[in-house]
N, C-alpha and C. Protein backbone atom coordinates (compact mmCIF):
# COMPACT_ATOMS: atom_id res chain seq x y z
N MET A 1 31.66 23.98 13.56
CA MET A 1 31.64 23.92 11.92
C MET A 1 31.36 22.15 11.47
N LYS A 2 32.25 21.36 12.07
CA LYS A 2 31.79 20.33 11.84
C LYS A 2 30.49 19.34 11.53
N LYS A 3 30.06 20.28 12.61
CA LYS A 3 28.08 19.72 13.16
C LYS A 3 27.80 20.06 11.30
N LEU A 4 27.66 21.50 11.25
CA LEU A 4 27.60 22.10 9.89
C LEU A 4 27.54 21.16 8.67
N PHE A 5 29.27 20.74 8.64
CA PHE A 5 29.26 19.93 7.45
C PHE A 5 28.63 18.48 7.52
N ALA A 6 28.54 17.98 8.71
CA ALA A 6 27.67 16.88 8.60
C ALA A 6 26.36 17.01 8.22
N LEU A 7 25.88 17.67 8.31
CA LEU A 7 24.19 18.32 8.28
C LEU A 7 24.53 18.31 6.75
N LEU A 8 25.50 19.22 5.94
CA LEU A 8 25.24 19.24 4.55
C LEU A 8 25.63 18.07 4.33
N PHE A 9 26.49 16.80 4.94
CA PHE A 9 26.35 15.76 4.06
C PHE A 9 25.12 14.76 4.18
N ILE A 10 23.95 14.77 5.28
CA ILE A 10 23.31 14.26 5.52
C ILE A 10 21.88 14.81 4.33
N ALA A 11 22.18 16.35 4.47
CA ALA A 11 21.31 16.61 3.26
C ALA A 11 21.66 16.04 2.03
N VAL A 12 22.74 16.12 1.23
CA VAL A 12 22.99 15.91 0.17
C VAL A 12 22.70 14.09 -0.34
N VAL A 13 22.80 13.19 1.14
CA VAL A 13 22.92 11.96 0.67
C VAL A 13 20.96 11.64 0.48
N ALA A 14 20.14 12.90 1.46
CA ALA A 14 18.94 12.41 1.04
C ALA A 14 18.47 13.07 0.01
N PHE A 15 19.00 13.61 -0.12
CA PHE A 15 18.14 14.42 -1.63
C PHE A 15 18.87 13.48 -3.04
N CYS A 16 20.36 12.98 -2.80
CA CYS A 16 20.24 11.63 -4.07
C CYS A 16 19.47 10.25 -3.59
N ALA A 17 19.10 10.07 -2.66
CA ALA A 17 18.35 8.96 -2.58
C ALA A 17 16.88 9.04 -2.45
N ASN A 18 16.54 10.65 -2.55
CA ASN A 18 15.08 10.63 -2.96
C ASN A 18 15.01 10.63 -4.19
N ALA A 19 15.88 11.44 -5.35
CA ALA A 19 16.11 11.41 -6.72
C ALA A 19 16.18 10.21 -7.18
N ALA A 20 16.78 9.19 -6.96
CA ALA A 20 17.18 7.60 -7.71
C ALA A 20 15.34 7.69 -6.79
N TYR A 21 14.94 7.60 -5.78
CA TYR A 21 13.67 7.21 -5.60
C TYR A 21 12.42 7.45 -6.55
N ALA A 22 12.23 8.39 -6.61
CA ALA A 22 11.79 9.38 -7.55
C ALA A 22 11.51 8.53 -9.32
N GLN A 23 12.84 8.54 -9.51
CA GLN A 23 12.57 7.86 -11.03
C GLN A 23 11.93 6.00 -10.97
N GLY A 24 11.97 5.15 -9.72
CA GLY A 24 11.05 4.63 -9.71
C GLY A 24 11.99 3.18 -9.58
N GLY A 25 11.69 2.15 -9.03
CA GLY A 25 12.32 0.71 -9.87
C GLY A 25 13.62 0.40 -9.51
N LYS A 26 13.94 -0.95 -9.89
CA LYS A 26 15.20 -0.99 -9.74
C LYS A 26 16.23 -0.36 -10.98
N THR A 27 17.50 0.36 -10.76
CA THR A 27 17.98 0.82 -11.85
C THR A 27 19.51 0.39 -11.97
N LYS A 28 20.34 0.23 -12.44
CA LYS A 28 21.61 -0.14 -12.60
C LYS A 28 21.92 0.34 -13.95
N THR A 29 23.04 1.04 -13.37
CA THR A 29 23.98 1.62 -14.81
C THR A 29 25.68 0.64 -15.04
N LYS A 30 25.50 0.65 -15.71
CA LYS A 30 27.01 -0.20 -16.60
C LYS A 30 27.64 0.82 -17.63
N THR A 31 28.61 1.24 -16.82
CA THR A 31 29.69 1.95 -18.03
C THR A 31 30.73 1.15 -18.48
N THR A 32 31.06 1.46 -20.00
CA THR A 32 31.56 0.46 -20.53
C THR A 32 32.79 1.89 -21.16
N ALA A 33 33.77 1.36 -21.76
CA ALA A 33 34.41 2.83 -22.70
C ALA A 33 33.76 3.39 -23.70
N LYS A 34 32.65 2.26 -24.30
CA LYS A 34 31.68 2.80 -25.37
C LYS A 34 30.79 3.62 -25.10
N THR A 35 29.62 3.05 -23.88
CA THR A 35 28.53 3.50 -24.14
C THR A 35 27.89 3.39 -22.23
N ALA A 36 27.19 3.66 -21.41
CA ALA A 36 26.56 3.99 -20.24
C ALA A 36 25.26 3.04 -20.90
N ILE A 37 24.84 1.58 -19.78
CA ILE A 37 23.81 1.25 -19.95
C ILE A 37 22.73 1.18 -18.91
N ILE A 38 21.71 1.52 -18.75
CA ILE A 38 20.87 1.98 -18.08
C ILE A 38 19.86 0.84 -17.70
N LYS A 39 19.92 0.47 -17.12
CA LYS A 39 19.14 -1.30 -16.96
C LYS A 39 17.94 -0.89 -15.47
N LYS A 40 16.58 -1.26 -16.05
CA LYS A 40 15.62 -1.08 -14.53
C LYS A 40 14.60 -2.46 -15.03
N GLY A 41 14.32 -2.40 -14.09
CA GLY A 41 13.37 -3.91 -14.07
C GLY A 41 14.03 -4.88 -14.02
N ASP A 42 13.90 -6.20 -13.45
CA ASP A 42 13.99 -7.43 -13.59
C ASP A 42 15.36 -7.40 -14.77
N PRO A 43 16.32 -7.99 -14.22
CA PRO A 43 17.26 -7.83 -15.41
C PRO A 43 16.83 -9.37 -16.78
N LEU A 44 17.47 -8.98 -18.06
CA LEU A 44 17.07 -9.67 -18.91
C LEU A 44 17.10 -11.09 -18.91
N GLY A 45 16.45 -11.54 -18.97
CA GLY A 45 16.68 -13.05 -19.10
C GLY A 45 16.85 -14.10 -20.14
N LYS A 46 16.63 -15.51 -20.67
CA LYS A 46 17.13 -16.12 -21.10
C LYS A 46 16.10 -16.45 -22.77
N SER A 47 15.18 -15.35 -22.43
CA SER A 47 14.10 -15.65 -23.44
C SER A 47 14.57 -15.74 -24.74
N PRO A 48 13.50 -16.41 -25.71
CA PRO A 48 13.84 -15.97 -27.12
C PRO A 48 14.19 -14.59 -27.89
N VAL A 49 15.04 -14.01 -28.94
CA VAL A 49 15.21 -12.98 -29.56
C VAL A 49 14.37 -12.67 -30.52
N VAL A 50 13.26 -12.01 -30.68
CA VAL A 50 12.73 -11.95 -32.36
C VAL A 50 13.24 -10.13 -32.64
N ALA A 51 13.06 -10.54 -33.61
CA ALA A 51 12.63 -9.09 -34.54
C ALA A 51 11.54 -8.34 -34.08
N LEU A 52 11.67 -6.91 -33.86
CA LEU A 52 10.18 -6.13 -33.57
C LEU A 52 9.37 -6.09 -34.80
N LYS A 53 10.28 -6.01 -36.31
CA LYS A 53 9.36 -5.77 -37.41
C LYS A 53 8.87 -7.20 -37.57
N ASP A 54 9.00 -8.28 -37.17
CA ASP A 54 8.27 -9.55 -37.51
C ASP A 54 7.08 -9.42 -36.69
N VAL A 55 7.25 -9.23 -35.08
CA VAL A 55 6.47 -9.39 -34.65
C VAL A 55 4.95 -8.17 -35.01
N MET A 56 5.47 -7.35 -36.00
CA MET A 56 4.35 -6.02 -36.08
C MET A 56 3.73 -6.88 -37.82
N LYS A 57 4.56 -7.50 -38.06
CA LYS A 57 3.77 -8.21 -39.01
C LYS A 57 2.73 -9.42 -38.65
N GLU A 58 3.23 -10.15 -37.58
CA GLU A 58 2.35 -10.87 -37.07
C GLU A 58 2.23 -11.44 -35.72
N PRO A 59 1.46 -10.23 -35.17
CA PRO A 59 1.36 -9.72 -33.98
C PRO A 59 0.83 -10.84 -32.99
N GLN A 60 -0.11 -11.54 -33.65
CA GLN A 60 -0.55 -12.45 -32.95
C GLN A 60 0.28 -13.93 -32.54
N LYS A 61 0.97 -13.83 -33.36
CA LYS A 61 1.97 -15.22 -33.71
C LYS A 61 2.67 -15.35 -32.12
N PHE A 62 2.76 -14.22 -31.77
CA PHE A 62 3.91 -13.78 -30.71
C PHE A 62 2.97 -13.05 -28.86
N ALA A 63 1.94 -12.97 -29.35
CA ALA A 63 1.19 -12.42 -28.01
C ALA A 63 0.75 -13.76 -26.61
N GLY A 64 1.55 -12.86 -25.91
CA GLY A 64 1.48 -14.45 -24.86
C GLY A 64 2.46 -15.38 -24.24
N LYS A 65 3.82 -14.45 -25.60
CA LYS A 65 4.96 -15.66 -25.25
C LYS A 65 6.17 -14.85 -25.16
N LYS A 66 7.09 -14.54 -23.88
CA LYS A 66 7.96 -14.02 -23.11
C LYS A 66 9.23 -14.03 -24.09
N VAL A 67 9.67 -12.75 -24.89
CA VAL A 67 10.52 -12.59 -25.59
C VAL A 67 11.49 -11.41 -25.66
N ILE A 68 12.13 -11.63 -26.25
CA ILE A 68 12.79 -9.95 -25.78
C ILE A 68 13.15 -9.70 -27.23
N VAL A 69 13.42 -8.22 -27.40
CA VAL A 69 13.23 -7.25 -28.58
C VAL A 69 14.20 -5.97 -28.35
N GLU A 70 14.17 -5.68 -29.41
CA GLU A 70 15.27 -4.35 -29.33
C GLU A 70 14.93 -3.73 -30.17
N GLY A 71 14.84 -2.34 -30.33
CA GLY A 71 14.79 -1.42 -30.89
C GLY A 71 15.23 0.03 -30.56
N VAL A 72 14.55 1.24 -31.16
CA VAL A 72 14.81 3.06 -30.59
C VAL A 72 13.34 3.22 -29.95
N ILE A 73 13.61 3.62 -29.23
CA ILE A 73 12.79 4.39 -28.38
C ILE A 73 12.53 6.09 -29.47
N VAL A 74 11.06 5.73 -29.87
CA VAL A 74 10.51 7.07 -30.39
C VAL A 74 9.59 7.91 -29.93
N ARG A 75 9.32 8.01 -28.80
CA ARG A 75 8.25 8.56 -27.65
C ARG A 75 8.58 7.95 -26.65
N SER A 76 8.47 8.70 -25.38
CA SER A 76 7.94 8.14 -24.33
C SER A 76 7.18 9.12 -23.58
N CYS A 77 6.85 8.76 -22.02
CA CYS A 77 6.12 9.42 -21.35
C CYS A 77 7.11 10.62 -20.53
N LYS A 78 6.43 12.05 -20.72
CA LYS A 78 7.39 12.91 -20.47
C LYS A 78 6.83 13.43 -18.80
N ALA A 79 6.03 12.83 -18.40
CA ALA A 79 5.43 13.28 -16.75
C ALA A 79 6.01 12.19 -16.41
N GLU A 80 6.35 11.20 -16.37
CA GLU A 80 6.91 10.18 -15.20
C GLU A 80 7.98 8.92 -16.00
N GLY A 81 7.85 8.80 -17.02
CA GLY A 81 8.53 7.83 -17.69
C GLY A 81 8.04 6.41 -17.65
N CYS A 82 6.84 6.12 -17.57
CA CYS A 82 5.73 5.35 -17.70
C CYS A 82 5.48 4.52 -18.37
N TRP A 83 5.82 4.80 -19.87
CA TRP A 83 5.75 4.20 -21.45
C TRP A 83 6.56 4.49 -21.98
N MET A 84 6.75 3.84 -23.09
CA MET A 84 7.57 4.39 -24.20
C MET A 84 6.67 3.63 -25.44
N GLU A 85 7.33 4.18 -26.22
CA GLU A 85 7.43 3.72 -27.67
C GLU A 85 8.35 3.06 -28.35
N LEU A 86 8.18 1.63 -28.37
CA LEU A 86 9.76 1.29 -29.70
C LEU A 86 9.52 0.68 -30.88
N ALA A 87 10.01 1.26 -32.31
CA ALA A 87 10.13 0.93 -33.28
C ALA A 87 11.62 0.42 -33.64
N PRO A 88 11.21 -0.71 -34.85
CA PRO A 88 12.64 -0.92 -35.23
C PRO A 88 13.33 0.12 -35.73
N ALA A 89 13.08 0.91 -36.12
CA ALA A 89 14.30 2.38 -36.76
C ALA A 89 13.23 3.22 -36.36
N LEU A 90 13.65 4.66 -36.77
CA LEU A 90 13.23 5.65 -36.35
C LEU A 90 11.70 6.18 -36.89
N ASN A 91 12.01 6.18 -37.82
CA ASN A 91 10.44 6.06 -38.97
C ASN A 91 9.60 5.37 -39.28
N ALA A 92 9.64 4.02 -38.52
CA ALA A 92 9.11 3.39 -38.57
C ALA A 92 7.95 2.80 -37.77
N LYS A 93 6.88 1.52 -37.97
CA LYS A 93 5.70 1.67 -36.61
C LYS A 93 6.48 1.32 -35.51
N SER A 94 5.81 1.63 -34.66
CA SER A 94 6.00 1.44 -33.31
C SER A 94 5.17 0.81 -32.15
N VAL A 95 5.68 0.26 -31.06
CA VAL A 95 4.72 -0.79 -29.96
C VAL A 95 4.83 0.10 -28.72
N ARG A 96 3.65 0.36 -28.20
CA ARG A 96 3.24 0.69 -26.79
C ARG A 96 4.20 0.00 -25.61
N VAL A 97 4.93 0.27 -25.15
CA VAL A 97 5.86 -0.79 -24.19
C VAL A 97 5.13 -0.01 -22.45
N THR A 98 4.50 -1.00 -22.12
CA THR A 98 4.17 -0.19 -20.08
C THR A 98 5.28 -1.40 -19.45
N PHE A 99 5.15 -0.74 -18.26
CA PHE A 99 6.45 -1.18 -17.08
C PHE A 99 5.32 -1.91 -15.92
N ASP A 100 3.84 -1.65 -16.05
CA ASP A 100 3.25 -2.14 -15.00
C ASP A 100 3.12 -1.43 -13.73
N GLU A 101 3.85 -0.28 -13.77
CA GLU A 101 4.26 0.81 -12.85
C GLU A 101 5.19 0.27 -11.80
N LYS A 102 5.75 -0.35 -12.34
CA LYS A 102 6.79 -1.44 -11.34
C LYS A 102 8.58 -0.81 -11.97
N PHE A 103 8.54 -0.55 -12.85
CA PHE A 103 9.58 0.66 -12.60
C PHE A 103 9.64 1.98 -14.13
N PHE A 104 10.25 2.81 -13.80
CA PHE A 104 10.40 3.60 -14.94
C PHE A 104 11.53 4.28 -15.55
N ILE A 105 11.68 4.79 -16.81
CA ILE A 105 12.39 5.05 -17.66
C ILE A 105 12.34 6.38 -17.31
N PRO A 106 13.87 7.27 -17.77
CA PRO A 106 14.41 8.19 -17.97
C PRO A 106 13.39 9.44 -18.66
N LEU A 107 13.28 10.58 -18.49
CA LEU A 107 12.36 11.26 -19.00
C LEU A 107 12.63 11.87 -20.38
N ASP A 108 14.02 11.53 -20.28
CA ASP A 108 14.68 11.83 -21.72
C ASP A 108 15.03 10.59 -22.40
N ALA A 109 14.34 9.59 -22.32
CA ALA A 109 14.68 8.53 -22.97
C ALA A 109 14.76 8.12 -24.91
N GLN A 110 13.93 9.25 -25.47
CA GLN A 110 13.78 9.45 -26.61
C GLN A 110 15.04 9.11 -27.52
N GLY A 111 15.25 8.59 -28.44
CA GLY A 111 16.13 8.60 -29.22
C GLY A 111 17.69 7.31 -28.67
N MET A 112 17.05 7.13 -27.18
CA MET A 112 17.85 5.75 -26.82
C MET A 112 17.78 4.38 -27.08
N LYS A 113 18.56 3.56 -27.86
CA LYS A 113 18.00 2.28 -28.03
C LYS A 113 17.89 1.44 -26.70
N ALA A 114 16.73 0.61 -26.93
CA ALA A 114 16.41 -0.39 -26.05
C ALA A 114 16.57 -1.94 -26.31
N LYS A 115 16.66 -2.73 -25.24
CA LYS A 115 16.49 -4.50 -25.55
C LYS A 115 15.62 -4.26 -23.81
N ALA A 116 14.64 -5.07 -24.22
CA ALA A 116 13.15 -4.79 -23.59
C ALA A 116 12.65 -7.00 -23.64
N GLU A 117 12.41 -7.17 -22.35
CA GLU A 117 11.82 -8.22 -22.38
C GLU A 117 10.42 -8.17 -21.88
N GLY A 118 9.59 -9.40 -22.30
CA GLY A 118 8.12 -9.02 -21.58
C GLY A 118 7.37 -10.02 -22.88
N GLU A 119 5.70 -9.97 -22.45
CA GLU A 119 5.11 -10.24 -23.65
C GLU A 119 4.43 -9.41 -24.27
N PHE A 120 3.53 -9.81 -25.60
CA PHE A 120 2.70 -9.07 -26.50
C PHE A 120 1.82 -9.49 -26.31
N SER A 121 0.71 -8.30 -26.64
CA SER A 121 -0.71 -8.78 -26.60
C SER A 121 -1.16 -7.83 -27.45
N VAL A 122 -2.19 -8.30 -28.20
CA VAL A 122 -3.39 -7.60 -29.10
C VAL A 122 -5.09 -7.07 -28.52
N LYS A 123 -5.04 -6.55 -28.60
CA LYS A 123 -6.38 -5.63 -27.99
C LYS A 123 -6.76 -4.31 -28.54
N THR A 124 -8.10 -4.42 -28.37
CA THR A 124 -9.04 -3.47 -28.95
C THR A 124 -8.59 -2.07 -27.65
N LEU A 125 -8.35 -0.48 -28.00
CA LEU A 125 -8.74 -0.01 -26.78
C LEU A 125 -9.88 1.25 -27.43
N SER A 126 -10.51 1.35 -25.85
CA SER A 126 -12.13 2.37 -26.45
C SER A 126 -11.85 3.24 -26.71
N LYS A 127 -12.85 3.74 -27.46
CA LYS A 127 -12.58 5.73 -27.96
C LYS A 127 -11.66 6.59 -26.81
N GLU A 128 -12.13 6.05 -25.43
CA GLU A 128 -11.84 6.80 -24.43
C GLU A 128 -10.14 6.87 -24.12
N GLU A 129 -10.08 5.51 -24.19
CA GLU A 129 -8.63 5.30 -24.03
C GLU A 129 -7.70 5.72 -24.74
N VAL A 130 -8.44 5.67 -26.46
CA VAL A 130 -7.62 6.58 -27.46
C VAL A 130 -7.52 7.72 -27.40
N ASP A 131 -8.46 8.54 -26.58
CA ASP A 131 -8.60 10.17 -26.76
C ASP A 131 -7.23 10.15 -25.84
N HIS A 132 -7.55 9.46 -24.60
CA HIS A 132 -6.24 10.39 -23.63
C HIS A 132 -5.03 9.67 -23.88
N LEU A 133 -4.75 8.81 -24.80
CA LEU A 133 -3.31 8.37 -25.25
C LEU A 133 -3.30 9.47 -26.06
N VAL A 134 -3.51 9.81 -26.55
CA VAL A 134 -3.46 10.77 -28.09
C VAL A 134 -3.46 12.12 -27.70
N ASN A 135 -4.23 13.00 -26.85
CA ASN A 135 -4.41 14.01 -26.23
C ASN A 135 -3.67 14.36 -24.96
N GLU A 136 -3.61 13.12 -24.18
CA GLU A 136 -2.45 13.58 -22.66
C GLU A 136 -1.43 13.43 -23.17
N ASP A 137 -1.18 12.65 -23.59
CA ASP A 137 0.47 11.37 -23.64
C ASP A 137 1.14 11.20 -25.06
N GLY A 138 0.24 12.06 -26.40
CA GLY A 138 0.63 12.46 -26.56
C GLY A 138 1.29 10.84 -28.28
N ALA A 139 0.61 9.90 -28.00
CA ALA A 139 0.74 8.95 -28.83
C ALA A 139 0.06 9.24 -30.05
N LYS A 140 0.82 7.96 -31.10
CA LYS A 140 0.39 8.24 -32.19
C LYS A 140 -0.04 6.90 -32.47
N ILE A 141 -1.81 6.73 -32.56
CA ILE A 141 -2.47 5.86 -33.01
C ILE A 141 -2.90 5.69 -34.17
N GLU A 142 -2.93 4.72 -34.93
CA GLU A 142 -4.53 4.60 -35.92
C GLU A 142 -5.69 4.29 -35.53
N ARG A 143 -6.33 5.20 -36.12
CA ARG A 143 -8.07 4.90 -35.08
C ARG A 143 -8.84 4.22 -35.87
N ASN A 144 -9.58 2.74 -35.67
CA ASN A 144 -10.23 2.70 -36.32
C ASN A 144 -11.56 3.95 -37.01
N ALA A 145 -12.64 3.53 -37.95
CA ALA A 145 -13.29 4.23 -37.81
C ALA A 145 -14.81 4.51 -36.72
N ASP A 146 -14.80 3.73 -35.69
CA ASP A 146 -15.38 3.82 -34.96
C ASP A 146 -14.40 4.67 -33.51
N GLY A 147 -13.32 5.27 -33.82
CA GLY A 147 -12.21 6.07 -33.08
C GLY A 147 -11.40 5.24 -32.02
N THR A 148 -11.92 3.66 -31.92
CA THR A 148 -11.71 2.91 -30.84
C THR A 148 -9.90 2.49 -32.18
N ALA A 149 -9.15 1.75 -31.48
CA ALA A 149 -7.57 1.37 -31.87
C ALA A 149 -7.85 -0.09 -31.78
N THR A 150 -7.01 -1.00 -32.71
CA THR A 150 -6.22 -2.00 -32.00
C THR A 150 -5.29 -1.92 -31.73
N GLU A 151 -4.72 -1.91 -31.12
CA GLU A 151 -3.07 -1.77 -29.76
C GLU A 151 -2.17 -3.18 -29.87
N ILE A 152 -1.14 -3.11 -30.91
CA ILE A 152 -0.03 -4.12 -30.42
C ILE A 152 0.65 -3.65 -29.16
N SER A 153 0.45 -4.40 -28.04
CA SER A 153 1.43 -3.38 -26.63
C SER A 153 2.42 -4.80 -26.14
N PHE A 154 3.85 -3.93 -25.27
CA PHE A 154 4.55 -4.94 -24.86
C PHE A 154 4.51 -4.51 -23.52
N LEU A 155 4.45 -5.41 -22.74
CA LEU A 155 4.53 -5.21 -21.00
C LEU A 155 5.81 -5.80 -21.17
N ALA A 156 6.50 -5.09 -20.44
CA ALA A 156 8.41 -5.03 -19.83
C ALA A 156 8.05 -5.64 -18.90
N THR A 157 8.92 -6.43 -18.37
CA THR A 157 9.22 -6.79 -17.08
C THR A 157 10.92 -6.53 -17.13
N GLY A 158 11.32 -6.20 -17.98
CA GLY A 158 12.62 -5.41 -17.61
C GLY A 158 13.66 -4.76 -18.85
N VAL A 159 14.04 -3.64 -19.00
CA VAL A 159 14.85 -3.17 -19.98
C VAL A 159 15.96 -2.46 -19.95
N GLU A 160 16.69 -2.52 -20.51
CA GLU A 160 18.63 -1.75 -21.12
C GLU A 160 18.48 -1.11 -22.18
N LEU A 161 18.32 0.29 -21.68
CA LEU A 161 18.91 1.47 -22.22
C LEU A 161 19.92 2.30 -22.42
N ARG A 162 20.37 2.03 -24.01
CA ARG A 162 22.50 3.18 -23.93
C ARG A 162 21.64 4.27 -25.43
N LYS A 163 22.26 5.42 -25.04
CA LYS A 163 22.40 6.21 -26.14
C LYS A 163 23.08 5.93 -27.18
């Protein structure tokens, strides 16, 4: 009987470890009286905090500079949690945030508030890249006349999520 309980215990521990590994990256959850904070990737540093709406107005001004932004997750990858779209508010224009496959966010992150540290970039996506993001990932992208798109993106090194 003791062997059965020991095997059951080992199976439960292995299952929990595998489930944590499947979500990828460094994860810490800090629970307070008001809310739970889910931390992914590197801890947020002392980079300057900038308003996401300001970045949306003048993205080139912030390109290549490490900053911290805050917003709401309006859309995210439903397959792995490998990207999210962050906006200043639910109905505002969003920025695609990626994590360079170093960590993943929960699959049910849509609607959560997020604080992220990383760098902005402005680049032109090919028609094929736009088609992939729209058709397979459900991204909302404004296309140029030739099918390409100018994208403001953010490569995050760490994020903090809260409901």
